[in-house]
């Protein structure tokens, strides 16, 4: 472990050397139907943030240690609520950049099929799903799609949205454009559908940091929002801490991969390759090369799979970064606003999850401390309660058999909610 610590301590220097900005735009003929994304530029800028580098080091350590916390969420579907902001140019709904609801719904469904390994035999089921928000931040019913005429934002119509590290590319101010329609980031994961991205990219996304920041989310051009395109699935991969499979290649060299858990794409079962290598590679022609060539996080034609290593990284990242707040959000379930606004509530340590209705809760209950666990259905109704005795580990057994479905489990101390968790009863 001392060797690993030494390696990780030199991480920021390594990353700044090998996270080279990609200036060349490759034609869709080279990589199939996909426009490349601007994440090499975005990540180069993020890697100058010491908090971001610390976050990456933390994830690498957690993955190496294979923590109990990540073990307990295995077999549980992690639901990430999303909102899609269509920043159109004033066209009628369903035309031009103002794409239809159905096109968005189909694209989200196609993304979930790729993430859940549906209609394919390749790769693994990531056990992560994205749901369009059913309620806005004020608790009003919503379909998770917001439409705004952004044609009046300076430079947006002609050049599209700009971004951090654009290096003189003209475009609209990123923060102002996103703030034109932006939901709280601890409530939903924001996706902005735009007419163009400065520089001609197809999309980009930010890795999660430890806190909230206004630009966090996915940006994707309207023409790429289709069920037949994997662009949205690719960008959401970045949003959940996945690098490109060719991370570290500047177009000429094989990515360094001597220590696969923190070099290249930080994933050991996706062999390193040059960005343009999609059938064979001089970097690594091992038996699992196709894990990289056909990977959702590549630029190769026919991409669509994720690997076990990518799944481990994502499912370590989500509960240990700012994405954890999304697991507590009720944007897709409609739990009452009062519960939704318990900003000080922490994620409860509950397992197994899914369960047949009996759970184990790890939480410190002190002597003379009144603590109650409540089970709440999707209508916001408290259907079961159990008072807890002092101790650290508690078996939750309810006399009434719970119907199959998703519930909110909340812990109250002296009538104040101190922790919540979504639980799945099967």
Protein backbone atom coordinates (compact mmCIF):
# COMPACT_ATOMS: atom_id res chain seq x y z
CA UNK A 1 0.00 0.00 0.00
CA UNK A 2 2.92 2.36 0.57
CA UNK A 3 3.76 2.04 -3.12
CA UNK A 4 0.19 2.95 -4.08
CA UNK A 5 0.25 6.00 -1.80
CA UNK A 6 3.50 7.16 -3.35
CA UNK A 7 2.04 6.79 -6.81
CA UNK A 8 -1.15 8.64 -5.89
CA UNK A 9 0.79 11.50 -4.30
CA UNK A 10 2.34 12.21 -7.71
CA UNK A 11 -1.05 12.06 -9.39
CA UNK A 12 -1.62 15.72 -10.15
CA UNK A 13 1.74 16.03 -11.92
CA UNK A 14 1.05 12.94 -14.02
CA UNK A 15 -2.44 13.99 -14.99
CA UNK A 16 -1.41 17.45 -16.12
CA UNK A 17 1.21 15.84 -18.37
CA UNK A 18 -1.03 13.23 -19.94
CA UNK A 19 -4.42 14.98 -20.06
CA UNK A 20 -3.44 16.69 -23.31
CA UNK A 21 -5.90 18.99 -25.03
CA UNK A 22 -7.24 17.55 -28.27
CA UNK A 23 -7.43 20.30 -30.86
CA UNK A 24 -8.09 18.14 -33.93
CA UNK A 25 -11.67 17.46 -34.93
CA UNK A 26 -12.09 14.10 -36.61
CA UNK A 27 -14.70 13.48 -39.26
CA UNK A 28 -17.71 11.25 -38.56
CA UNK A 29 -16.41 8.86 -41.23
CA UNK A 30 -13.44 7.99 -39.02
CA UNK A 31 -15.46 7.18 -35.95
CA UNK A 32 -18.85 6.29 -37.36
CA UNK A 33 -21.77 8.63 -36.62
CA UNK A 34 -20.32 10.29 -33.51
CA UNK A 35 -18.96 13.80 -33.14
CA UNK A 36 -16.18 13.93 -30.56
CA UNK A 37 -16.75 15.59 -27.21
CA UNK A 38 -14.81 18.40 -25.57
CA UNK A 39 -13.99 16.53 -22.39
CA UNK A 40 -10.24 16.47 -22.94
CA UNK A 41 -10.38 20.28 -22.77
CA UNK A 42 -12.82 20.33 -19.86
CA UNK A 43 -10.76 17.87 -17.82
CA UNK A 44 -7.51 19.71 -18.51
CA UNK A 45 -9.12 22.77 -16.91
CA UNK A 46 -10.60 20.75 -14.04
CA UNK A 47 -7.24 19.13 -13.31
CA UNK A 48 -5.90 22.53 -12.30
CA UNK A 49 -8.34 22.44 -9.38
CA UNK A 50 -6.70 20.77 -6.38
CA UNK A 51 -10.12 19.72 -5.05
CA UNK A 52 -10.77 17.85 -8.30
CA UNK A 53 -7.40 16.08 -8.15
CA UNK A 54 -8.07 15.17 -4.51
CA UNK A 55 -11.43 13.73 -5.56
CA UNK A 56 -9.77 11.53 -8.20
CA UNK A 57 -7.21 10.31 -5.69
CA UNK A 58 -9.98 9.48 -3.25
CA UNK A 59 -11.84 7.44 -5.86
CA UNK A 60 -8.68 5.55 -6.79
CA UNK A 61 -8.08 4.70 -3.15
CA UNK A 62 -11.68 3.61 -2.59
CA UNK A 63 -11.58 1.39 -5.66
CA UNK A 64 -8.30 -0.18 -4.55
CA UNK A 65 -9.65 -0.83 -1.07
CA UNK A 66 -13.01 -2.13 -2.38
CA UNK A 67 -14.83 -0.54 0.53
CA UNK A 68 -17.80 -2.07 2.33
CA UNK A 69 -19.87 0.97 1.36
CA UNK A 70 -19.50 0.19 -2.34
CA UNK A 71 -20.04 -3.52 -1.72
CA UNK A 72 -23.43 -2.93 -0.13
CA UNK A 73 -24.86 -1.15 -3.16
CA UNK A 74 -24.05 -4.03 -5.48
CA UNK A 75 -27.29 -5.44 -6.83
CA UNK A 76 -29.11 -2.15 -6.20
CA UNK A 77 -30.31 -0.02 -9.09
CA UNK A 78 -29.03 3.52 -8.55
CA UNK A 79 -31.56 6.00 -9.90
CA UNK A 80 -30.30 9.38 -11.10
CA UNK A 81 -33.02 12.01 -11.74
CA UNK A 82 -32.39 14.23 -14.74
CA UNK A 83 -33.90 17.35 -16.28
CA UNK A 84 -33.45 18.24 -19.95
CA UNK A 85 -33.27 21.94 -20.79
CA UNK A 86 -33.93 22.52 -24.50
CA UNK A 87 -32.24 25.83 -25.35
CA UNK A 88 -33.77 26.30 -28.78
CA UNK A 89 -33.75 29.13 -31.34
CA UNK A 90 -37.45 29.92 -31.25
CA UNK A 91 -38.72 27.15 -33.55
CA UNK A 92 -42.06 25.41 -32.92
CA UNK A 93 -41.86 22.32 -30.73
CA UNK A 94 -40.69 19.33 -32.73
CA UNK A 95 -38.78 21.30 -35.36
CA UNK A 96 -35.16 22.40 -35.69
CA UNK A 97 -33.34 22.70 -32.38
CA UNK A 98 -36.63 22.60 -30.42
CA UNK A 99 -36.76 18.81 -30.51
CA UNK A 100 -39.91 16.96 -29.47
CA UNK A 101 -40.68 15.41 -26.10
CA UNK A 102 -40.83 11.99 -27.73
CA UNK A 103 -37.35 12.37 -29.22
CA UNK A 104 -35.98 13.17 -25.76
CA UNK A 105 -37.89 10.34 -24.09
CA UNK A 106 -36.63 7.88 -26.72
CA UNK A 107 -33.04 9.11 -26.23
CA UNK A 108 -33.27 8.61 -22.47
CA UNK A 109 -34.72 5.15 -22.99
CA UNK A 110 -31.91 4.30 -25.42
CA UNK A 111 -29.39 5.56 -22.87
CA UNK A 112 -30.88 3.39 -20.13
CA UNK A 113 -30.80 0.37 -22.43
CA UNK A 114 -27.07 0.93 -22.97
CA UNK A 115 -26.39 1.43 -19.27
CA UNK A 116 -28.51 -1.58 -18.25
CA UNK A 117 -27.22 -3.96 -20.99
CA UNK A 118 -30.63 -4.34 -22.63
CA UNK A 119 -30.86 -5.64 -26.22
CA UNK A 120 -27.19 -6.64 -26.21
CA UNK A 121 -25.04 -9.48 -24.97
CA UNK A 122 -21.89 -7.37 -24.65
CA UNK A 123 -20.51 -5.77 -21.51
CA UNK A 124 -22.09 -5.54 -18.08
CA UNK A 125 -25.25 -4.09 -16.57
CA UNK A 126 -24.15 -0.88 -14.84
CA UNK A 127 -27.22 -1.04 -12.57
CA UNK A 128 -27.68 2.72 -13.01
CA UNK A 129 -30.79 4.30 -14.53
CA UNK A 130 -31.67 7.87 -15.48
CA UNK A 131 -35.22 9.09 -14.93
CA UNK A 132 -36.82 12.29 -16.22
CA UNK A 133 -37.93 14.30 -13.19
CA UNK A 134 -41.63 13.96 -12.40
CA UNK A 135 -41.69 17.01 -10.14
CA UNK A 136 -39.95 20.37 -10.42
CA UNK A 137 -37.98 21.82 -7.48
CA UNK A 138 -41.17 23.48 -6.16
CA UNK A 139 -43.02 20.16 -6.09
CA UNK A 140 -45.16 20.82 -9.17
CA UNK A 141 -45.76 17.99 -11.67
CA UNK A 142 -43.26 17.97 -14.55
CA UNK A 143 -42.19 15.75 -17.42
CA UNK A 144 -38.53 16.62 -16.80
CA UNK A 145 -38.27 18.71 -19.97
CA UNK A 146 -37.89 22.51 -19.93
CA UNK A 147 -37.97 24.64 -23.09
CA UNK A 148 -36.37 28.08 -23.39
CA UNK A 149 -35.85 30.32 -26.41
CA UNK A 150 -32.15 31.11 -26.07
CA UNK A 151 -31.77 32.92 -29.39
CA UNK A 152 -31.37 36.25 -27.59
CA UNK A 153 -28.29 35.20 -25.62
CA UNK A 154 -25.27 36.97 -27.16
CA UNK A 155 -23.32 34.76 -29.61
CA UNK A 156 -25.55 31.72 -28.96
CA UNK A 157 -27.42 31.61 -32.26
CA UNK A 158 -24.31 31.94 -34.42
CA UNK A 159 -21.69 30.02 -32.43
CA UNK A 160 -23.50 28.02 -29.76
CA UNK A 161 -22.36 27.68 -26.14
CA UNK A 162 -18.76 28.22 -25.10
CA UNK A 163 -17.05 26.44 -22.20
CA UNK A 164 -14.11 26.57 -19.85
CA UNK A 165 -10.84 26.20 -21.74
CA UNK A 166 -12.34 27.09 -25.15
CA UNK A 167 -9.16 29.02 -26.05
CA UNK A 168 -10.72 31.88 -27.98
CA UNK A 169 -13.51 29.89 -29.64
CA UNK A 170 -16.45 32.31 -29.95
CA UNK A 171 -19.66 31.37 -28.23
CA UNK A 172 -22.14 32.39 -25.57
CA UNK A 173 -21.00 32.67 -21.97
CA UNK A 174 -21.30 29.21 -20.43
CA UNK A 175 -22.50 30.26 -16.98
CA UNK A 176 -25.04 32.78 -18.31
CA UNK A 177 -26.34 30.27 -20.85
CA UNK A 178 -26.77 27.48 -18.31
CA UNK A 179 -28.29 29.80 -15.73
CA UNK A 180 -30.95 30.69 -18.31
CA UNK A 181 -32.49 27.36 -17.27
CA UNK A 182 -30.87 25.53 -14.38
CA UNK A 183 -32.34 23.36 -11.62
CA UNK A 184 -30.67 22.71 -8.23
CA UNK A 185 -27.86 20.24 -8.71
CA UNK A 186 -28.58 18.32 -5.53
CA UNK A 187 -32.11 17.70 -6.85
CA UNK A 188 -31.45 16.64 -10.46
CA UNK A 189 -28.61 16.12 -12.90
CA UNK A 190 -28.91 18.89 -15.50
CA UNK A 191 -28.70 18.21 -19.24
CA UNK A 192 -28.62 21.15 -21.68
CA UNK A 193 -29.62 20.51 -25.30
CA UNK A 194 -28.04 23.24 -27.45
CA UNK A 195 -27.90 24.24 -31.11
CA UNK A 196 -24.07 24.22 -31.28
CA UNK A 197 -21.00 23.90 -29.08
CA UNK A 198 -18.15 26.32 -29.83
CA UNK A 199 -15.51 24.43 -31.77
CA UNK A 200 -17.92 21.97 -33.37
CA UNK A 201 -18.11 19.36 -30.58
CA UNK A 202 -20.99 16.94 -30.11
CA UNK A 203 -21.15 17.25 -26.33
CA UNK A 204 -19.25 17.49 -23.06
CA UNK A 205 -19.79 16.93 -19.36
CA UNK A 206 -18.14 17.70 -16.03
CA UNK A 207 -16.79 15.16 -13.60
CA UNK A 208 -18.35 15.40 -10.13
CA UNK A 209 -16.57 17.41 -7.44
CA UNK A 210 -17.10 17.47 -3.71
CA UNK A 211 -19.63 20.31 -3.86
CA UNK A 212 -22.07 22.16 -6.07
CA UNK A 213 -21.04 24.32 -9.03
CA UNK A 214 -23.27 26.07 -11.56
CA UNK A 215 -21.82 24.56 -14.73
CA UNK A 216 -22.11 20.92 -13.60
CA UNK A 217 -24.00 18.69 -16.01
CA UNK A 218 -24.09 17.49 -19.62
CA UNK A 219 -24.19 19.66 -22.75
CA UNK A 220 -25.23 17.94 -25.97
CA UNK A 221 -26.19 19.21 -29.43
CA UNK A 222 -29.83 18.69 -30.40
CA UNK A 223 -29.05 16.50 -33.43
CA UNK A 224 -27.31 13.95 -31.16
CA UNK A 225 -30.34 13.46 -28.90
CA UNK A 226 -31.66 10.26 -30.50
CA UNK A 227 -32.36 6.74 -29.37
CA UNK A 228 -30.01 5.44 -32.08
CA UNK A 229 -27.10 7.56 -30.84
CA UNK A 230 -24.88 6.68 -27.88
CA UNK A 231 -23.73 10.28 -27.40
CA UNK A 232 -25.95 10.90 -24.37
CA UNK A 233 -24.87 7.62 -22.76
CA UNK A 234 -21.23 8.62 -23.43
CA UNK A 235 -21.57 12.10 -21.89
CA UNK A 236 -23.40 10.75 -18.85
CA UNK A 237 -20.45 8.39 -18.43
CA UNK A 238 -18.21 11.43 -18.05
CA UNK A 239 -20.72 12.92 -15.62
CA UNK A 240 -20.39 9.78 -13.47
CA UNK A 241 -16.52 9.87 -13.45
CA UNK A 242 -15.53 7.89 -16.54
CA UNK A 243 -12.68 9.03 -18.79
CA UNK A 244 -12.35 8.21 -22.49
CA UNK A 245 -10.90 4.75 -23.08
CA UNK A 246 -8.08 6.47 -25.01
CA UNK A 247 -7.37 8.94 -22.18
CA UNK A 248 -3.79 10.19 -22.47
CA UNK A 249 -3.53 9.93 -26.26
CA UNK A 250 -2.83 13.16 -28.12
CA UNK A 251 -3.27 11.51 -31.51
CA UNK A 252 0.27 10.17 -31.84
CA UNK A 253 1.19 8.12 -28.77
CA UNK A 254 -0.19 5.21 -26.81
CA UNK A 255 -1.50 6.23 -23.39
CA UNK A 256 0.80 5.36 -20.51
CA UNK A 257 -0.78 2.49 -18.60
CA UNK A 258 1.89 1.06 -16.28
CA UNK A 259 -0.46 1.50 -13.33
CA UNK A 260 -3.90 0.97 -14.86
CA UNK A 261 -5.88 2.03 -11.79
CA UNK A 262 -4.75 5.66 -12.12
CA UNK A 263 -3.22 5.98 -15.59
CA UNK A 264 -4.95 6.01 -18.95
CA UNK A 265 -8.67 5.86 -18.26
CA UNK A 266 -8.08 4.56 -14.70
CA UNK A 267 -9.83 1.29 -15.60
CA UNK A 268 -7.83 -1.94 -15.75
CA UNK A 269 -10.12 -3.98 -18.02
CA UNK A 270 -10.17 -1.40 -20.85
CA UNK A 271 -6.77 -1.75 -22.59
CA UNK A 272 -5.15 1.54 -23.67
CA UNK A 273 -5.48 2.55 -27.31
CA UNK A 274 -4.96 5.53 -29.53
CA UNK A 275 -8.09 7.52 -30.24
CA UNK A 276 -8.26 6.42 -33.89
CA UNK A 277 -7.58 2.72 -33.20
CA UNK A 278 -10.92 0.90 -33.35
CA UNK A 279 -10.09 -2.55 -34.74
CA UNK A 280 -6.52 -3.24 -33.68
CA UNK A 281 -3.96 -1.31 -31.71
CA UNK A 282 -0.22 -1.11 -31.42
CA UNK A 283 -0.74 -0.18 -27.78
CA UNK A 284 -2.33 -3.40 -26.56
CA UNK A 285 -3.80 -6.26 -28.56
CA UNK A 286 -4.81 -8.38 -25.59
CA UNK A 287 -7.83 -10.64 -25.61
CA UNK A 288 -9.99 -7.92 -24.07
CA UNK A 289 -9.06 -5.19 -26.57
CA UNK A 290 -12.66 -5.05 -27.74
CA UNK A 291 -13.57 -3.84 -24.24
CA UNK A 292 -11.99 -0.56 -25.34
CA UNK A 293 -12.81 -0.52 -29.07
CA UNK A 294 -16.54 -1.18 -28.59
CA UNK A 295 -16.77 0.79 -25.38
CA UNK A 296 -19.34 3.53 -24.87
CA UNK A 297 -16.48 5.79 -23.75
CA UNK A 298 -14.56 5.41 -27.03
CA UNK A 299 -15.12 7.20 -30.35
CA UNK A 300 -15.39 3.95 -32.29
CA UNK A 301 -18.29 2.99 -34.53
CA UNK A 302 -20.66 0.47 -32.96
CA UNK A 303 -19.72 1.46 -29.41
CA UNK A 304 -22.15 0.50 -26.68
CA UNK A 305 -20.65 -1.61 -23.89
CA UNK A 306 -19.38 -0.90 -20.39
CA UNK A 307 -16.99 -3.12 -18.42
CA UNK A 308 -16.96 -4.39 -14.85
CA UNK A 309 -14.12 -2.00 -14.06
CA UNK A 310 -16.17 0.95 -15.30
CA UNK A 311 -19.15 -0.24 -13.28
CA UNK A 312 -17.01 -0.46 -10.14
CA UNK A 313 -15.72 3.06 -10.71
CA UNK A 314 -19.17 4.58 -11.33
CA UNK A 315 -20.75 2.80 -8.39
CA UNK A 316 -17.89 3.91 -6.16
CA UNK A 317 -18.12 7.47 -7.47
CA UNK A 318 -21.86 8.11 -7.16
CA UNK A 319 -22.21 7.61 -3.38
CA UNK A 320 -18.84 9.22 -2.60
CA UNK A 321 -19.13 12.48 -4.56
CA UNK A 322 -21.64 15.26 -5.08
CA UNK A 323 -23.74 12.72 -7.01
CA UNK A 324 -24.75 11.14 -3.68
CA UNK A 325 -27.33 13.91 -3.18
CA UNK A 326 -29.15 12.67 -6.29
CA UNK A 327 -29.72 9.29 -4.65
CA UNK A 328 -31.66 11.10 -1.93
CA UNK A 329 -33.65 13.26 -4.35
CA UNK A 330 -37.34 12.58 -4.81
CA UNK A 331 -37.56 14.29 -8.19
CA UNK A 332 -38.74 11.02 -9.72
CA UNK A 333 -40.83 9.66 -6.85
CA UNK A 334 -42.82 12.64 -5.63
CA UNK A 335 -42.07 12.39 -1.91
CA UNK A 336 -43.52 15.45 -0.15
CA UNK A 337 -41.70 18.78 -0.35
CA UNK A 338 -41.10 18.87 3.40
CA UNK A 339 -38.98 15.77 3.22
CA UNK A 340 -37.26 16.92 0.03
CA UNK A 341 -36.02 20.04 1.78
CA UNK A 342 -34.24 18.21 4.62
CA UNK A 343 -30.87 19.50 3.40
CA UNK A 344 -28.97 18.36 6.49
CA UNK A 345 -30.11 14.75 6.17
CA UNK A 346 -27.33 12.29 5.35
CA UNK A 347 -27.44 9.10 3.32
CA UNK A 348 -28.32 6.20 5.61
CA UNK A 349 -26.22 3.04 5.63
CA UNK A 350 -28.92 0.46 4.90
CA UNK A 351 -28.47 -3.07 3.55
CA UNK A 352 -29.28 -5.41 1.90
CA UNK A 353 -30.88 -3.22 -0.72
CA UNK A 354 -32.99 -4.52 -2.52
CA UNK A 355 -34.58 -6.57 0.24
CA UNK A 356 -37.73 -8.53 0.97
CA UNK A 357 -38.68 -5.81 3.45
CA UNK A 358 -36.22 -6.52 6.26
CA UNK A 359 -33.20 -4.22 6.42
CA UNK A 360 -30.16 -3.63 8.61
CA UNK A 361 -29.43 -0.01 9.52
CA UNK A 362 -26.06 1.22 10.75
CA UNK A 363 -26.64 4.36 12.83
CA UNK A 364 -25.49 5.46 16.27
CA UNK A 365 -28.39 5.83 18.70
CA UNK A 366 -27.29 7.12 22.09
CA UNK A 367 -28.95 6.30 25.45
CA UNK A 368 -31.91 8.55 26.22
CA UNK A 369 -32.03 9.57 22.54
CA UNK A 370 -35.46 9.13 20.94
CA UNK A 371 -35.00 7.72 17.43
CA UNK A 372 -37.65 6.56 14.99
CA UNK A 373 -37.39 5.02 11.53
CA UNK A 374 -40.21 5.72 9.09
CA UNK A 375 -41.03 4.06 5.77
CA UNK A 376 -42.67 6.41 3.25
CA UNK A 377 -44.32 5.43 -0.03
CA UNK A 378 -44.16 7.29 -3.34
CA UNK A 379 -47.26 9.29 -2.44
CA UNK A 380 -45.47 10.75 0.57
CA UNK A 381 -47.47 8.71 3.09
CA UNK A 382 -45.81 7.36 6.26
CA UNK A 383 -46.94 3.75 6.16
CA UNK A 384 -44.70 2.16 8.82
CA UNK A 385 -42.75 3.30 11.88
CA UNK A 386 -40.27 1.62 14.21
CA UNK A 387 -38.65 3.05 17.32
CA UNK A 388 -34.95 2.21 17.72
CA UNK A 389 -33.10 1.17 20.85
CA UNK A 390 -29.63 2.52 21.75
CA UNK A 391 -26.82 0.95 19.75
CA UNK A 392 -25.09 1.09 16.36
CA UNK A 393 -26.71 -1.73 14.35
CA UNK A 394 -30.46 -2.13 14.07
CA UNK A 395 -32.61 -4.78 12.39
CA UNK A 396 -35.65 -3.23 10.76
CA UNK A 397 -38.53 -5.69 10.70
CA UNK A 398 -42.00 -4.42 9.94
CA UNK A 399 -45.12 -6.33 10.97
CA UNK A 400 -46.94 -5.33 7.79
CA UNK A 401 -45.64 -6.89 4.60
CA UNK A 402 -44.50 -4.22 2.18
CA UNK A 403 -45.61 -4.25 -1.44
CA UNK A 404 -42.91 -4.36 -4.09
CA UNK A 405 -41.55 -0.95 -4.99
CA UNK A 406 -39.33 1.99 -4.03
CA UNK A 407 -39.70 3.59 -0.59
CA UNK A 408 -38.02 6.38 1.32
CA UNK A 409 -36.54 5.26 4.63
CA UNK A 410 -35.89 8.14 6.98
CA UNK A 411 -34.35 8.33 10.43
CA UNK A 412 -35.64 10.90 12.90
CA UNK A 413 -33.97 11.93 16.14
CA UNK A 414 -36.13 14.03 18.43
CA UNK A 415 -38.52 14.56 15.46
CA UNK A 416 -35.75 15.93 13.21
CA UNK A 417 -34.85 14.03 10.04
CA UNK A 418 -31.13 13.20 10.22
CA UNK A 419 -30.84 10.64 7.44
CA UNK A 420 -32.65 9.23 4.43
CA UNK A 421 -32.23 6.45 1.91
CA UNK A 422 -34.21 5.07 -0.99
CA UNK A 423 -34.84 1.36 -0.49
CA UNK A 424 -36.10 -1.23 -2.91
CA UNK A 425 -38.50 -3.94 -1.75
CA UNK A 426 -38.77 -6.88 -4.15
